[in-house]
């Protein structure tokens, strides 16, 4: 049976919303991984600076 134009539009809208939500989830995951990497690098840099300062004294 033929679907009405409204039904097709609603299905397309729902599919678009689902893709959009999934894309946002992926972006959030990538942002969290980036923040984790930056925090790790910062901790390593601070530890190295502390060790260099200790060695200089």
C-alpha atoms as a PDB file:
ATOM      1  CA  UNK A   1       0.000   0.000   0.000  1.00  0.00           C
ATOM      2  CA  UNK A   2       1.181   3.533  -0.704  1.00  0.00           C
ATOM      3  CA  UNK A   3       2.427   5.609   2.166  1.00  0.00           C
ATOM      4  CA  UNK A   4       1.198   9.133   2.494  1.00  0.00           C
ATOM      5  CA  UNK A   5       3.571  12.033   1.972  1.00  0.00           C
ATOM      6  CA  UNK A   6       3.250  12.875   5.658  1.00  0.00           C
ATOM      7  CA  UNK A   7       4.317   9.362   6.683  1.00  0.00           C
ATOM      8  CA  UNK A   8       7.348   9.478   4.377  1.00  0.00           C
ATOM      9  CA  UNK A   9       8.299  12.925   5.689  1.00  0.00           C
ATOM     10  CA  UNK A  10       8.011  11.725   9.285  1.00  0.00           C
ATOM     11  CA  UNK A  11      10.193   8.701   8.534  1.00  0.00           C
ATOM     12  CA  UNK A  12      12.812  10.882   6.867  1.00  0.00           C
ATOM     13  CA  UNK A  13      12.736  13.318   9.781  1.00  0.00           C
ATOM     14  CA  UNK A  14      13.136  10.506  12.304  1.00  0.00           C
ATOM     15  CA  UNK A  15      16.060   9.025  10.351  1.00  0.00           C
ATOM     16  CA  UNK A  16      17.733  12.435  10.123  1.00  0.00           C
ATOM     17  CA  UNK A  17      17.301  13.011  13.850  1.00  0.00           C
ATOM     18  CA  UNK A  18      18.818   9.602  14.608  1.00  0.00           C
ATOM     19  CA  UNK A  19      21.853  10.296  12.385  1.00  0.00           C
ATOM     20  CA  UNK A  20      22.296  13.718  13.941  1.00  0.00           C
ATOM     21  CA  UNK A  21      22.192  12.302  17.469  1.00  0.00           C
ATOM     22  CA  UNK A  22      24.690   9.597  16.528  1.00  0.00           C
ATOM     23  CA  UNK A  23      27.056  12.174  15.015  1.00  0.00           C
ATOM     24  CA  UNK A  24      26.890  14.260  18.196  1.00  0.00           C
ATOM     25  CA  UNK A  25      27.675  11.179  20.283  1.00  0.00           C
ATOM     26  CA  UNK A  26      30.709  10.431  18.122  1.00  0.00           C
ATOM     27  CA  UNK A  27      31.914  14.038  18.386  1.00  0.00           C
ATOM     28  CA  UNK A  28      31.519  13.962  22.166  1.00  0.00           C
ATOM     29  CA  UNK A  29      33.513  10.737  22.384  1.00  0.00           C
ATOM     30  CA  UNK A  30      36.298  12.225  20.249  1.00  0.00           C
ATOM     31  CA  UNK A  31      36.335  15.367  22.409  1.00  0.00           C
ATOM     32  CA  UNK A  32      36.640  13.316  25.593  1.00  0.00           C
ATOM     33  CA  UNK A  33      39.518  11.285  24.134  1.00  0.00           C
ATOM     34  CA  UNK A  34      41.274  14.494  23.133  1.00  0.00           C
ATOM     35  CA  UNK A  35      40.837  15.973  26.609  1.00  0.00           C
ATOM     36  CA  UNK A  36      42.198  12.789  28.164  1.00  0.00           C
ATOM     37  CA  UNK A  37      45.278  12.887  25.904  1.00  0.00           C
ATOM     38  CA  UNK A  38      45.899  16.573  26.679  1.00  0.00           C
ATOM     39  CA  UNK A  39      45.604  15.946  30.425  1.00  0.00           C
ATOM     40  CA  UNK A  40      48.086  13.081  30.172  1.00  0.00           C
ATOM     41  CA  UNK A  41      50.572  15.186  28.245  1.00  0.00           C
ATOM     42  CA  UNK A  42      50.175  18.048  30.724  1.00  0.00           C
ATOM     43  CA  UNK A  43      50.858  15.708  33.634  1.00  0.00           C
ATOM     44  CA  UNK A  44      53.991  14.383  31.935  1.00  0.00           C
ATOM     45  CA  UNK A  45      55.217  17.918  31.210  1.00  0.00           C
ATOM     46  CA  UNK A  46      54.659  19.040  34.802  1.00  0.00           C
ATOM     47  CA  UNK A  47      56.438  15.954  36.149  1.00  0.00           C
ATOM     48  CA  UNK A  48      59.393  16.601  33.842  1.00  0.00           C
ATOM     49  CA  UNK A  49      59.545  20.273  34.861  1.00  0.00           C
ATOM     50  CA  UNK A  50      59.499  19.262  38.551  1.00  0.00           C
ATOM     51  CA  UNK A  51      62.256  16.713  37.978  1.00  0.00           C
ATOM     52  CA  UNK A  52      64.363  19.261  36.066  1.00  0.00           C
ATOM     53  CA  UNK A  53      63.881  21.814  38.838  1.00  0.00           C
ATOM     54  CA  UNK A  54      64.851  19.214  41.445  1.00  0.00           C
ATOM     55  CA  UNK A  55      67.984  18.290  39.468  1.00  0.00           C
ATOM     56  CA  UNK A  56      68.980  21.942  39.088  1.00  0.00           C
ATOM     57  CA  UNK A  57      68.949  22.521  42.849  1.00  0.00           C
END
